[in-house]
Each structure stands twice: as C-alpha cells, then as structure tokens.
Amino acid sequence: MQVFGREDSQETRAALRFFKERRLALQFVDLRRKPIAAGELRRFAERLGAAALVDTAGRAWAEAGLGYLRMDDTELAARLLADQRLLRLPLVRVGNEFAAGRDEAGWKALLQRA
C-alpha cells in the first residue's frame, strides 16, 4: 500500500490516520521530497482518468489559469507531471486498485478488494 501526498496536506494526514487506525502497513511518499514518477502517474491516470487527479479547487489551478483551457487526458497528465501542485491529494494505491483525493468510502472499498 502506498500513499502519495505532502506532509502539510490535511487530506494526506487524514488518509495516513485512516490507514494507521486500521493498523495497516503502508509506504508514504512525500511529493515535496520525491516527485511522483511518470510511470506511476500514468497508472493512476489510466485507472481513474487524468481529470480525477486534478484539484480544480486548489490554489495552483487558479494561479495557472487552467480553468479556461480545454485539455484532453494526455495534456492534463503532462501538466500534472510538470506541476505536481495540481494533483488532488492523497493518491492511494493498494495493489492494482487506485484512489485519488479524500474519499474514505473509496478507501474502505480498496481495502475490501485487496
């Protein structure tokens, strides 16, 4: 189980707390120290769609003025790889199952399928 996020993110802390309360072993990857690899981001985008990975309510989205652009999944994925502040955190991977954002119901479903 891997959780990708930033230590200062409230949503990431909620995910870490959720999994620790269930006493599950996990690997936390702090995106400030180690950016997500292109292949890993591609796997998330293939499963969830690039639009599901974008935090459209975040400050980075507004500052970049991306709300006015129309981009397909390939362009969005390239933008996410270039500026990882745009990611909806946390990104959670359990085996071949993926989830993005703060979604406790989705996390529970991940654990049941794993």
PDB file of N, CA and C in Angstrom:
ATOM      1  N   MET A   1       0.846  -1.164   0.000  1.00  0.00           N
ATOM      2  CA  MET A   1       0.000   0.000   0.000  1.00  0.00           C
ATOM      3  C   MET A   1       0.894   1.230   0.000  1.00  0.00           C
ATOM      4  N   GLN A   2       0.581   2.152  -0.892  1.00  0.00           N
ATOM      5  CA  GLN A   2       1.333   3.395  -0.981  1.00  0.00           C
ATOM      6  C   GLN A   2       0.380   4.580  -0.901  1.00  0.00           C
ATOM      7  N   VAL A   3       0.819   5.606  -0.198  1.00  0.00           N
ATOM      8  CA  VAL A   3       0.085   6.865  -0.123  1.00  0.00           C
ATOM      9  C   VAL A   3       1.031   7.959  -0.603  1.00  0.00           C
ATOM     10  N   PHE A   4       0.638   8.650  -1.669  1.00  0.00           N
ATOM     11  CA  PHE A   4       1.409   9.764  -2.201  1.00  0.00           C
ATOM     12  C   PHE A   4       0.731  11.048  -1.747  1.00  0.00           C
ATOM     13  N   GLY A   5       1.512  11.972  -1.211  1.00  0.00           N
ATOM     14  CA  GLY A   5       0.941  13.234  -0.763  1.00  0.00           C
ATOM     15  C   GLY A   5       2.016  14.145  -0.225  1.00  0.00           C
ATOM     16  N   ARG A   6       1.583  15.188   0.466  1.00  0.00           N
ATOM     17  CA  ARG A   6       2.505  16.111   1.121  1.00  0.00           C
ATOM     18  C   ARG A   6       2.199  16.100   2.607  1.00  0.00           C
ATOM     19  N   GLU A   7       3.247  16.198   3.417  1.00  0.00           N
ATOM     20  CA  GLU A   7       3.075  16.141   4.868  1.00  0.00           C
ATOM     21  C   GLU A   7       2.193  17.266   5.389  1.00  0.00           C
ATOM     22  N   ASP A   8       2.222  18.416   4.727  1.00  0.00           N
ATOM     23  CA  ASP A   8       1.451  19.557   5.212  1.00  0.00           C
ATOM     24  C   ASP A   8       0.005  19.564   4.706  1.00  0.00           C
ATOM     25  N   SER A   9      -0.386  18.553   3.952  1.00  0.00           N
ATOM     26  CA  SER A   9      -1.739  18.466   3.409  1.00  0.00           C
ATOM     27  C   SER A   9      -2.684  17.811   4.413  1.00  0.00           C
ATOM     28  N   GLN A  10      -3.776  18.486   4.711  1.00  0.00           N
ATOM     29  CA  GLN A  10      -4.757  17.958   5.657  1.00  0.00           C
ATOM     30  C   GLN A  10      -5.380  16.663   5.132  1.00  0.00           C
ATOM     31  N   GLU A  11      -5.639  16.588   3.841  1.00  0.00           N
ATOM     32  CA  GLU A  11      -6.227  15.388   3.257  1.00  0.00           C
ATOM     33  C   GLU A  11      -5.272  14.207   3.347  1.00  0.00           C
ATOM     34  N   THR A  12      -3.982  14.453   3.125  1.00  0.00           N
ATOM     35  CA  THR A  12      -2.990  13.386   3.226  1.00  0.00           C
ATOM     36  C   THR A  12      -2.888  12.890   4.656  1.00  0.00           C
ATOM     37  N   ARG A  13      -2.888  13.807   5.613  1.00  0.00           N
ATOM     38  CA  ARG A  13      -2.844  13.385   7.024  1.00  0.00           C
ATOM     39  C   ARG A  13      -4.067  12.555   7.381  1.00  0.00           C
ATOM     40  N   ALA A  14      -5.228  12.903   6.828  1.00  0.00           N
ATOM     41  CA  ALA A  14      -6.448  12.127   7.087  1.00  0.00           C
ATOM     42  C   ALA A  14      -6.311  10.711   6.534  1.00  0.00           C
ATOM     43  N   ALA A  15      -5.726  10.576   5.353  1.00  0.00           N
ATOM     44  CA  ALA A  15      -5.531   9.245   4.767  1.00  0.00           C
ATOM     45  C   ALA A  15      -4.559   8.423   5.601  1.00  0.00           C
ATOM     46  N   LEU A  16      -3.460   9.034   6.013  1.00  0.00           N
ATOM     47  CA  LEU A  16      -2.486   8.314   6.836  1.00  0.00           C
ATOM     48  C   LEU A  16      -3.116   7.870   8.149  1.00  0.00           C
ATOM     49  N   ARG A  17      -3.891   8.739   8.749  1.00  0.00           N
ATOM     50  CA  ARG A  17      -4.581   8.399  10.001  1.00  0.00           C
ATOM     51  C   ARG A  17      -5.584   7.263   9.771  1.00  0.00           C
ATOM     52  N   PHE A  18      -6.326   7.305   8.682  1.00  0.00           N
ATOM     53  CA  PHE A  18      -7.314   6.281   8.351  1.00  0.00           C
ATOM     54  C   PHE A  18      -6.659   4.901   8.281  1.00  0.00           C
ATOM     55  N   PHE A  19      -5.544   4.807   7.571  1.00  0.00           N
ATOM     56  CA  PHE A  19      -4.893   3.509   7.401  1.00  0.00           C
ATOM     57  C   PHE A  19      -4.157   3.072   8.660  1.00  0.00           C
ATOM     58  N   LYS A  20      -3.589   4.019   9.404  1.00  0.00           N
ATOM     59  CA  LYS A  20      -2.906   3.666  10.648  1.00  0.00           C
ATOM     60  C   LYS A  20      -3.886   3.195  11.707  1.00  0.00           C
ATOM     61  N   GLU A  21      -5.088   3.777  11.740  1.00  0.00           N
ATOM     62  CA  GLU A  21      -6.108   3.328  12.690  1.00  0.00           C
ATOM     63  C   GLU A  21      -6.504   1.881  12.431  1.00  0.00           C
ATOM     64  N   ARG A  22      -6.366   1.447  11.190  1.00  0.00           N
ATOM     65  CA  ARG A  22      -6.687   0.071  10.837  1.00  0.00           C
ATOM     66  C   ARG A  22      -5.457  -0.833  10.890  1.00  0.00           C
ATOM     67  N   ARG A  23      -4.370  -0.278  11.410  1.00  0.00           N
ATOM     68  CA  ARG A  23      -3.104  -0.994  11.622  1.00  0.00           C
ATOM     69  C   ARG A  23      -2.599  -1.678  10.351  1.00  0.00           C
ATOM     70  N   LEU A  24      -2.598  -0.918   9.285  1.00  0.00           N
ATOM     71  CA  LEU A  24      -2.126  -1.420   8.007  1.00  0.00           C
ATOM     72  C   LEU A  24      -0.733  -0.865   7.728  1.00  0.00           C
ATOM     73  N   ALA A  25       0.120  -1.715   7.212  1.00  0.00           N
ATOM     74  CA  ALA A  25       1.459  -1.278   6.833  1.00  0.00           C
ATOM     75  C   ALA A  25       1.343  -0.483   5.536  1.00  0.00           C
ATOM     76  N   LEU A  26       1.968   0.681   5.516  1.00  0.00           N
ATOM     77  CA  LEU A  26       1.907   1.492   4.313  1.00  0.00           C
ATOM     78  C   LEU A  26       3.224   2.198   4.092  1.00  0.00           C
ATOM     79  N   GLN A  27       3.411   2.621   2.850  1.00  0.00           N
ATOM     80  CA  GLN A  27       4.581   3.396   2.476  1.00  0.00           C
ATOM     81  C   GLN A  27       4.087   4.786   2.095  1.00  0.00           C
ATOM     82  N   PHE A  28       4.612   5.807   2.771  1.00  0.00           N
ATOM     83  CA  PHE A  28       4.240   7.183   2.470  1.00  0.00           C
ATOM     84  C   PHE A  28       5.320   7.810   1.606  1.00  0.00           C
ATOM     85  N   VAL A  29       4.919   8.418   0.505  1.00  0.00           N
ATOM     86  CA  VAL A  29       5.837   9.109  -0.393  1.00  0.00           C
ATOM     87  C   VAL A  29       5.483  10.592  -0.350  1.00  0.00           C
ATOM     88  N   ASP A  30       6.395  11.388   0.222  1.00  0.00           N
ATOM     89  CA  ASP A  30       6.189  12.836   0.308  1.00  0.00           C
ATOM     90  C   ASP A  30       6.571  13.460  -1.035  1.00  0.00           C
ATOM     91  N   LEU A  31       5.597  14.036  -1.708  1.00  0.00           N
ATOM     92  CA  LEU A  31       5.824  14.577  -3.046  1.00  0.00           C
ATOM     93  C   LEU A  31       6.687  15.833  -3.043  1.00  0.00           C
ATOM     94  N   ARG A  32       6.875  16.457  -1.891  1.00  0.00           N
ATOM     95  CA  ARG A  32       7.793  17.601  -1.829  1.00  0.00           C
ATOM     96  C   ARG A  32       9.244  17.129  -1.900  1.00  0.00           C
ATOM     97  N   ARG A  33       9.509  15.966  -1.343  1.00  0.00           N
ATOM     98  CA  ARG A  33      10.875  15.432  -1.339  1.00  0.00           C
ATOM     99  C   ARG A  33      11.165  14.604  -2.580  1.00  0.00           C
ATOM    100  N   LYS A  34      10.183  13.807  -3.000  1.00  0.00           N
ATOM    101  CA  LYS A  34      10.382  12.915  -4.142  1.00  0.00           C
ATOM    102  C   LYS A  34       9.155  12.999  -5.042  1.00  0.00           C
ATOM    103  N   PRO A  35       9.263  13.667  -6.176  1.00  0.00           N
ATOM    104  CA  PRO A  35       8.117  13.784  -7.084  1.00  0.00           C
ATOM    105  C   PRO A  35       7.667  12.413  -7.581  1.00  0.00           C
ATOM    106  N   ILE A  36       6.400  12.307  -7.909  1.00  0.00           N
ATOM    107  CA  ILE A  36       5.862  11.048  -8.404  1.00  0.00           C
ATOM    108  C   ILE A  36       6.462  10.751  -9.778  1.00  0.00           C
ATOM    109  N   ALA A  37       6.784   9.499 -10.006  1.00  0.00           N
ATOM    110  CA  ALA A  37       7.387   9.091 -11.272  1.00  0.00           C
ATOM    111  C   ALA A  37       6.348   9.148 -12.390  1.00  0.00           C
ATOM    112  N   ALA A  38       6.819   9.333 -13.597  1.00  0.00           N
ATOM    113  CA  ALA A  38       5.921   9.433 -14.746  1.00  0.00           C
ATOM    114  C   ALA A  38       5.108   8.157 -14.923  1.00  0.00           C
ATOM    115  N   GLY A  39       5.727   7.006 -14.740  1.00  0.00           N
ATOM    116  CA  GLY A  39       5.015   5.735 -14.886  1.00  0.00           C
ATOM    117  C   GLY A  39       3.937   5.555 -13.838  1.00  0.00           C
ATOM    118  N   GLU A  40       4.234   5.959 -12.618  1.00  0.00           N
ATOM    119  CA  GLU A  40       3.249   5.854 -11.536  1.00  0.00           C
ATOM    120  C   GLU A  40       2.062   6.782 -11.801  1.00  0.00           C
ATOM    121  N   LEU A  41       2.333   7.998 -12.225  1.00  0.00           N
ATOM    122  CA  LEU A  41       1.258   8.934 -12.546  1.00  0.00           C
ATOM    123  C   LEU A  41       0.427   8.417 -13.720  1.00  0.00           C
ATOM    124  N   ARG A  42       1.089   7.808 -14.693  1.00  0.00           N
ATOM    125  CA  ARG A  42       0.383   7.238 -15.842  1.00  0.00           C
ATOM    126  C   ARG A  42      -0.567   6.128 -15.405  1.00  0.00           C
ATOM    127  N   ARG A  43      -0.138   5.281 -14.449  1.00  0.00           N
ATOM    128  CA  ARG A  43      -1.012   4.212 -13.948  1.00  0.00           C
ATOM    129  C   ARG A  43      -2.252   4.788 -13.266  1.00  0.00           C
ATOM    130  N   PHE A  44      -2.075   5.832 -12.470  1.00  0.00           N
ATOM    131  CA  PHE A  44      -3.224   6.482 -11.833  1.00  0.00           C
ATOM    132  C   PHE A  44      -4.154   7.070 -12.897  1.00  0.00           C
ATOM    133  N   ALA A  45      -3.583   7.730 -13.906  1.00  0.00           N
ATOM    134  CA  ALA A  45      -4.395   8.360 -14.952  1.00  0.00           C
ATOM    135  C   ALA A  45      -5.137   7.318 -15.784  1.00  0.00           C
ATOM    136  N   GLU A  46      -4.506   6.175 -16.042  1.00  0.00           N
ATOM    137  CA  GLU A  46      -5.173   5.122 -16.811  1.00  0.00           C
ATOM    138  C   GLU A  46      -6.361   4.552 -16.055  1.00  0.00           C
ATOM    139  N   ARG A  47      -6.219   4.378 -14.753  1.00  0.00           N
ATOM    140  CA  ARG A  47      -7.294   3.793 -13.946  1.00  0.00           C
ATOM    141  C   ARG A  47      -8.413   4.784 -13.649  1.00  0.00           C
ATOM    142  N   LEU A  48      -8.034   5.990 -13.245  1.00  0.00           N
ATOM    143  CA  LEU A  48      -9.018   6.954 -12.756  1.00  0.00           C
ATOM    144  C   LEU A  48      -9.378   8.032 -13.774  1.00  0.00           C
ATOM    145  N   GLY A  49      -8.526   8.209 -14.767  1.00  0.00           N
ATOM    146  CA  GLY A  49      -8.689   9.322 -15.698  1.00  0.00           C
ATOM    147  C   GLY A  49      -7.930  10.527 -15.167  1.00  0.00           C
ATOM    148  N   ALA A  50      -7.303  11.262 -16.051  1.00  0.00           N
ATOM    149  CA  ALA A  50      -6.484  12.400 -15.621  1.00  0.00           C
ATOM    150  C   ALA A  50      -7.328  13.474 -14.945  1.00  0.00           C
ATOM    151  N   ALA A  51      -8.576  13.629 -15.365  1.00  0.00           N
ATOM    152  CA  ALA A  51      -9.441  14.659 -14.771  1.00  0.00           C
ATOM    153  C   ALA A  51      -9.710  14.377 -13.297  1.00  0.00           C
ATOM    154  N   ALA A  52      -9.726  13.107 -12.899  1.00  0.00           N
ATOM    155  CA  ALA A  52      -9.968  12.751 -11.499  1.00  0.00           C
ATOM    156  C   ALA A  52      -8.762  13.066 -10.624  1.00  0.00           C
ATOM    157  N   LEU A  53      -7.608  13.262 -11.226  1.00  0.00           N
ATOM    158  CA  LEU A  53      -6.383  13.526 -10.473  1.00  0.00           C
ATOM    159  C   LEU A  53      -6.134  15.013 -10.254  1.00  0.00           C
ATOM    160  N   VAL A  54      -6.907  15.856 -10.897  1.00  0.00           N
ATOM    161  CA  VAL A  54      -6.674  17.302 -10.848  1.00  0.00           C
ATOM    162  C   VAL A  54      -7.498  17.933  -9.735  1.00  0.00           C
ATOM    163  N   ASP A  55      -6.829  18.765  -8.933  1.00  0.00           N
ATOM    164  CA  ASP A  55      -7.507  19.513  -7.874  1.00  0.00           C
ATOM    165  C   ASP A  55      -7.948  20.856  -8.454  1.00  0.00           C
ATOM    166  N   THR A  56      -9.144  20.885  -9.022  1.00  0.00           N
ATOM    167  CA  THR A  56      -9.627  22.103  -9.680  1.00  0.00           C
ATOM    168  C   THR A  56     -10.010  23.190  -8.683  1.00  0.00           C
ATOM    169  N   ALA A  57     -10.132  22.837  -7.410  1.00  0.00           N
ATOM    170  CA  ALA A  57     -10.461  23.833  -6.388  1.00  0.00           C
ATOM    171  C   ALA A  57      -9.209  24.390  -5.717  1.00  0.00           C
ATOM    172  N   GLY A  58      -8.047  23.906  -6.105  1.00  0.00           N
ATOM    173  CA  GLY A  58      -6.808  24.311  -5.461  1.00  0.00           C
ATOM    174  C   GLY A  58      -6.270  25.641  -5.955  1.00  0.00           C
ATOM    175  N   ARG A  59      -5.369  26.190  -5.174  1.00  0.00           N
ATOM    176  CA  ARG A  59      -4.760  27.479  -5.493  1.00  0.00           C
ATOM    177  C   ARG A  59      -3.898  27.393  -6.752  1.00  0.00           C
ATOM    178  N   ALA A  60      -3.165  26.282  -6.924  1.00  0.00           N
ATOM    179  CA  ALA A  60      -2.287  26.141  -8.085  1.00  0.00           C
ATOM    180  C   ALA A  60      -3.088  26.153  -9.387  1.00  0.00           C
ATOM    181  N   TRP A  61      -4.265  25.548  -9.378  1.00  0.00           N
ATOM    182  CA  TRP A  61      -5.138  25.526 -10.563  1.00  0.00           C
ATOM    183  C   TRP A  61      -5.568  26.949 -10.924  1.00  0.00           C
ATOM    184  N   ALA A  62      -5.979  27.707  -9.922  1.00  0.00           N
ATOM    185  CA  ALA A  62      -6.441  29.075 -10.160  1.00  0.00           C
ATOM    186  C   ALA A  62      -5.291  29.978 -10.599  1.00  0.00           C
ATOM    187  N   GLU A  63      -4.128  29.840  -9.959  1.00  0.00           N
ATOM    188  CA  GLU A  63      -2.975  30.682 -10.303  1.00  0.00           C
ATOM    189  C   GLU A  63      -2.505  30.439 -11.728  1.00  0.00           C
ATOM    190  N   ALA A  64      -2.601  29.190 -12.182  1.00  0.00           N
ATOM    191  CA  ALA A  64      -2.161  28.865 -13.538  1.00  0.00           C
ATOM    192  C   ALA A  64      -3.209  29.242 -14.582  1.00  0.00           C
ATOM    193  N   GLY A  65      -4.415  29.591 -14.150  1.00  0.00           N
ATOM    194  CA  GLY A  65      -5.467  29.973 -15.087  1.00  0.00           C
ATOM    195  C   GLY A  65      -5.933  28.829 -15.964  1.00  0.00           C
ATOM    196  N   LEU A  66      -5.893  27.618 -15.442  1.00  0.00           N
ATOM    197  CA  LEU A  66      -6.213  26.446 -16.251  1.00  0.00           C
ATOM    198  C   LEU A  66      -7.709  26.195 -16.404  1.00  0.00           C
ATOM    199  N   GLY A  67      -8.520  26.884 -15.638  1.00  0.00           N
ATOM    200  CA  GLY A  67      -9.958  26.690 -15.736  1.00  0.00           C
ATOM    201  C   GLY A  67     -10.523  27.094 -17.089  1.00  0.00           C
ATOM    202  N   TYR A  68      -9.788  27.896 -17.829  1.00  0.00           N
ATOM    203  CA  TYR A  68     -10.267  28.387 -19.118  1.00  0.00           C
ATOM    204  C   TYR A  68      -9.785  27.536 -20.287  1.00  0.00           C
ATOM    205  N   LEU A  69      -8.908  26.592 -20.016  1.00  0.00           N
ATOM    206  CA  LEU A  69      -8.353  25.758 -21.084  1.00  0.00           C
ATOM    207  C   LEU A  69      -9.118  24.449 -21.199  1.00  0.00           C
ATOM    208  N   ARG A  70      -9.209  23.952 -22.405  1.00  0.00           N
ATOM    209  CA  ARG A  70      -9.782  22.626 -22.628  1.00  0.00           C
ATOM    210  C   ARG A  70      -8.629  21.701 -22.983  1.00  0.00           C
ATOM    211  N   MET A  71      -8.436  20.692 -22.138  1.00  0.00           N
ATOM    212  CA  MET A  71      -7.329  19.765 -22.339  1.00  0.00           C
ATOM    213  C   MET A  71      -7.855  18.343 -22.309  1.00  0.00           C
ATOM    214  N   ASP A  72      -7.266  17.486 -23.147  1.00  0.00           N
ATOM    215  CA  ASP A  72      -7.622  16.073 -23.075  1.00  0.00           C
ATOM    216  C   ASP A  72      -6.771  15.409 -21.994  1.00  0.00           C
ATOM    217  N   ASP A  73      -6.979  14.108 -21.777  1.00  0.00           N
ATOM    218  CA  ASP A  73      -6.281  13.411 -20.695  1.00  0.00           C
ATOM    219  C   ASP A  73      -4.765  13.431 -20.866  1.00  0.00           C
ATOM    220  N   THR A  74      -4.289  13.354 -22.097  1.00  0.00           N
ATOM    221  CA  THR A  74      -2.842  13.365 -22.339  1.00  0.00           C
ATOM    222  C   THR A  74      -2.234  14.705 -21.936  1.00  0.00           C
ATOM    223  N   GLU A  75      -2.888  15.785 -22.320  1.00  0.00           N
ATOM    224  CA  GLU A  75      -2.394  17.118 -21.968  1.00  0.00           C
ATOM    225  C   GLU A  75      -2.477  17.356 -20.461  1.00  0.00           C
ATOM    226  N   LEU A  76      -3.566  16.893 -19.842  1.00  0.00           N
ATOM    227  CA  LEU A  76      -3.694  17.035 -18.392  1.00  0.00           C
ATOM    228  C   LEU A  76      -2.605  16.261 -17.668  1.00  0.00           C
ATOM    229  N   ALA A  77      -2.336  15.036 -18.116  1.00  0.00           N
ATOM    230  CA  ALA A  77      -1.303  14.218 -17.478  1.00  0.00           C
ATOM    231  C   ALA A  77       0.063  14.888 -17.601  1.00  0.00           C
ATOM    232  N   ALA A  78       0.357  15.463 -18.762  1.00  0.00           N
ATOM    233  CA  ALA A  78       1.630  16.165 -18.946  1.00  0.00           C
ATOM    234  C   ALA A  78       1.713  17.374 -18.021  1.00  0.00           C
ATOM    235  N   ARG A  79       0.606  18.086 -17.866  1.00  0.00           N
ATOM    236  CA  ARG A  79       0.572  19.255 -16.983  1.00  0.00           C
ATOM    237  C   ARG A  79       0.764  18.833 -15.530  1.00  0.00           C
ATOM    238  N   LEU A  80       0.135  17.704 -15.142  1.00  0.00           N
ATOM    239  CA  LEU A  80       0.276  17.195 -13.776  1.00  0.00           C
ATOM    240  C   LEU A  80       1.711  16.777 -13.482  1.00  0.00           C
ATOM    241  N   LEU A  81       2.358  16.182 -14.461  1.00  0.00           N
ATOM    242  CA  LEU A  81       3.745  15.760 -14.270  1.00  0.00           C
ATOM    243  C   LEU A  81       4.663  16.967 -14.141  1.00  0.00           C
ATOM    244  N   ALA A  82       4.375  18.026 -14.887  1.00  0.00           N
ATOM    245  CA  ALA A  82       5.198  19.232 -14.839  1.00  0.00           C
ATOM    246  C   ALA A  82       4.972  20.028 -13.555  1.00  0.00           C
ATOM    247  N   ASP A  83       3.733  20.076 -13.070  1.00  0.00           N
ATOM    248  CA  ASP A  83       3.404  20.843 -11.864  1.00  0.00           C
ATOM    249  C   ASP A  83       2.563  19.966 -10.943  1.00  0.00           C
ATOM    250  N   GLN A  84       3.220  19.298 -10.012  1.00  0.00           N
ATOM    251  CA  GLN A  84       2.531  18.336  -9.158  1.00  0.00           C
ATOM    252  C   GLN A  84       1.714  18.993  -8.055  1.00  0.00           C
ATOM    253  N   ARG A  85       1.751  20.323  -7.974  1.00  0.00           N
ATOM    254  CA  ARG A  85       0.859  21.018  -7.038  1.00  0.00           C
ATOM    255  C   ARG A  85      -0.590  20.918  -7.492  1.00  0.00           C
ATOM    256  N   LEU A  86      -0.808  20.545  -8.753  1.00  0.00           N
ATOM    257  CA  LEU A  86      -2.156  20.425  -9.308  1.00  0.00           C
ATOM    258  C   LEU A  86      -2.846  19.116  -8.926  1.00  0.00           C
ATOM    259  N   LEU A  87      -2.099  18.185  -8.351  1.00  0.00           N
ATOM    260  CA  LEU A  87      -2.663  16.874  -8.022  1.00  0.00           C
ATOM    261  C   LEU A  87      -3.671  16.951  -6.885  1.00  0.00           C
ATOM    262  N   ARG A  88      -4.731  16.173  -7.001  1.00  0.00           N
ATOM    263  CA  ARG A  88      -5.692  16.008  -5.908  1.00  0.00           C
ATOM    264  C   ARG A  88      -5.096  14.955  -4.979  1.00  0.00           C
ATOM    265  N   LEU A  89      -4.778  15.388  -3.773  1.00  0.00           N
ATOM    266  CA  LEU A  89      -4.094  14.514  -2.823  1.00  0.00           C
ATOM    267  C   LEU A  89      -5.057  14.018  -1.768  1.00  0.00           C
ATOM    268  N   PRO A  90      -4.791  12.882  -1.200  1.00  0.00           N
ATOM    269  CA  PRO A  90      -3.696  11.959  -1.459  1.00  0.00           C
ATOM    270  C   PRO A  90      -4.030  11.021  -2.609  1.00  0.00           C
ATOM    271  N   LEU A  91      -2.980  10.464  -3.193  1.00  0.00           N
ATOM    272  CA  LEU A  91      -3.128   9.396  -4.166  1.00  0.00           C
ATOM    273  C   LEU A  91      -2.823   8.105  -3.426  1.00  0.00           C
ATOM    274  N   VAL A  92      -3.736   7.157  -3.477  1.00  0.00           N
ATOM    275  CA  VAL A  92      -3.595   5.910  -2.726  1.00  0.00           C
ATOM    276  C   VAL A  92      -3.586   4.750  -3.705  1.00  0.00           C
ATOM    277  N   ARG A  93      -2.619   3.848  -3.518  1.00  0.00           N
ATOM    278  CA  ARG A  93      -2.536   2.649  -4.352  1.00  0.00           C
ATOM    279  C   ARG A  93      -2.448   1.435  -3.448  1.00  0.00           C
ATOM    280  N   VAL A  94      -3.360   0.488  -3.663  1.00  0.00           N
ATOM    281  CA  VAL A  94      -3.350  -0.792  -2.955  1.00  0.00           C
ATOM    282  C   VAL A  94      -3.336  -1.862  -4.035  1.00  0.00           C
ATOM    283  N   GLY A  95      -2.158  -2.438  -4.289  1.00  0.00           N
ATOM    284  CA  GLY A  95      -2.052  -3.420  -5.370  1.00  0.00           C
ATOM    285  C   GLY A  95      -2.348  -2.751  -6.705  1.00  0.00           C
ATOM    286  N   ASN A  96      -3.367  -3.252  -7.390  1.00  0.00           N
ATOM    287  CA  ASN A  96      -3.765  -2.674  -8.676  1.00  0.00           C
ATOM    288  C   ASN A  96      -4.997  -1.791  -8.557  1.00  0.00           C
ATOM    289  N   GLU A  97      -5.355  -1.414  -7.351  1.00  0.00           N
ATOM    290  CA  GLU A  97      -6.507  -0.544  -7.108  1.00  0.00           C
ATOM    291  C   GLU A  97      -6.002   0.854  -6.736  1.00  0.00           C
ATOM    292  N   PHE A  98      -6.711   1.876  -7.215  1.00  0.00           N
ATOM    293  CA  PHE A  98      -6.258   3.249  -7.048  1.00  0.00           C
ATOM    294  C   PHE A  98      -7.386   4.140  -6.548  1.00  0.00           C
ATOM    295  N   ALA A  99      -7.017   5.198  -5.821  1.00  0.00           N
ATOM    296  CA  ALA A  99      -7.976   6.211  -5.372  1.00  0.00           C
ATOM    297  C   ALA A  99      -7.262   7.558  -5.323  1.00  0.00           C
ATOM    298  N   ALA A 100      -8.017   8.621  -5.568  1.00  0.00           N
ATOM    299  CA  ALA A 100      -7.458   9.971  -5.526  1.00  0.00           C
ATOM    300  C   ALA A 100      -8.352  10.855  -4.679  1.00  0.00           C
ATOM    301  N   GLY A 101      -7.724  11.691  -3.867  1.00  0.00           N
ATOM    302  CA  GLY A 101      -8.469  12.625  -3.039  1.00  0.00           C
ATOM    303  C   GLY A 101      -8.945  11.996  -1.745  1.00  0.00           C
ATOM    304  N   ARG A 102      -9.566  12.832  -0.934  1.00  0.00           N
ATOM    305  CA  ARG A 102     -10.072  12.376   0.364  1.00  0.00           C
ATOM    306  C   ARG A 102     -11.410  11.678   0.144  1.00  0.00           C
ATOM    307  N   ASP A 103     -11.383  10.346   0.203  1.00  0.00           N
ATOM    308  CA  ASP A 103     -12.554   9.533  -0.107  1.00  0.00           C
ATOM    309  C   ASP A 103     -12.538   8.299   0.780  1.00  0.00           C
ATOM    310  N   GLU A 104     -13.041   8.441   2.010  1.00  0.00           N
ATOM    311  CA  GLU A 104     -12.987   7.331   2.961  1.00  0.00           C
ATOM    312  C   GLU A 104     -13.794   6.135   2.488  1.00  0.00           C
ATOM    313  N   ALA A 105     -14.914   6.359   1.828  1.00  0.00           N
ATOM    314  CA  ALA A 105     -15.698   5.239   1.297  1.00  0.00           C
ATOM    315  C   ALA A 105     -14.894   4.500   0.227  1.00  0.00           C
ATOM    316  N   GLY A 106     -14.193   5.243  -0.603  1.00  0.00           N
ATOM    317  CA  GLY A 106     -13.334   4.631  -1.617  1.00  0.00           C
ATOM    318  C   GLY A 106     -12.181   3.864  -0.998  1.00  0.00           C
ATOM    319  N   TRP A 107     -11.610   4.395   0.083  1.00  0.00           N
ATOM    320  CA  TRP A 107     -10.512   3.700   0.758  1.00  0.00           C
ATOM    321  C   TRP A 107     -11.000   2.390   1.358  1.00  0.00           C
ATOM    322  N   LYS A 108     -12.196   2.406   1.951  1.00  0.00           N
ATOM    323  CA  LYS A 108     -12.757   1.174   2.513  1.00  0.00           C
ATOM    324  C   LYS A 108     -12.987   0.147   1.410  1.00  0.00           C
ATOM    325  N   ALA A 109     -13.478   0.601   0.259  1.00  0.00           N
ATOM    326  CA  ALA A 109     -13.688  -0.305  -0.871  1.00  0.00           C
ATOM    327  C   ALA A 109     -12.360  -0.871  -1.363  1.00  0.00           C
ATOM    328  N   LEU A 110     -11.312  -0.045  -1.373  1.00  0.00           N
ATOM    329  CA  LEU A 110      -9.984  -0.529  -1.760  1.00  0.00           C
ATOM    330  C   LEU A 110      -9.527  -1.652  -0.847  1.00  0.00           C
ATOM    331  N   LEU A 111      -9.733  -1.474   0.436  1.00  0.00           N
ATOM    332  CA  LEU A 111      -9.293  -2.478   1.404  1.00  0.00           C
ATOM    333  C   LEU A 111     -10.088  -3.768   1.263  1.00  0.00           C
ATOM    334  N   GLN A 112     -11.362  -3.673   0.938  1.00  0.00           N
ATOM    335  CA  GLN A 112     -12.167  -4.872   0.776  1.00  0.00           C
ATOM    336  C   GLN A 112     -11.772  -5.646  -0.467  1.00  0.00           C
ATOM    337  N   ARG A 113     -11.384  -4.937  -1.534  1.00  0.00           N
ATOM    338  CA  ARG A 113     -10.995  -5.608  -2.777  1.00  0.00           C
ATOM    339  C   ARG A 113      -9.585  -6.157  -2.716  1.00  0.00           C
ATOM    340  N   ALA A 114      -8.759  -5.597  -1.835  1.00  0.00           N
ATOM    341  CA  ALA A 114      -7.346  -6.017  -1.771  1.00  0.00           C
ATOM    342  C   ALA A 114      -7.170  -7.301  -0.989  1.00  0.00           C
TER     343      ALA A 114
END
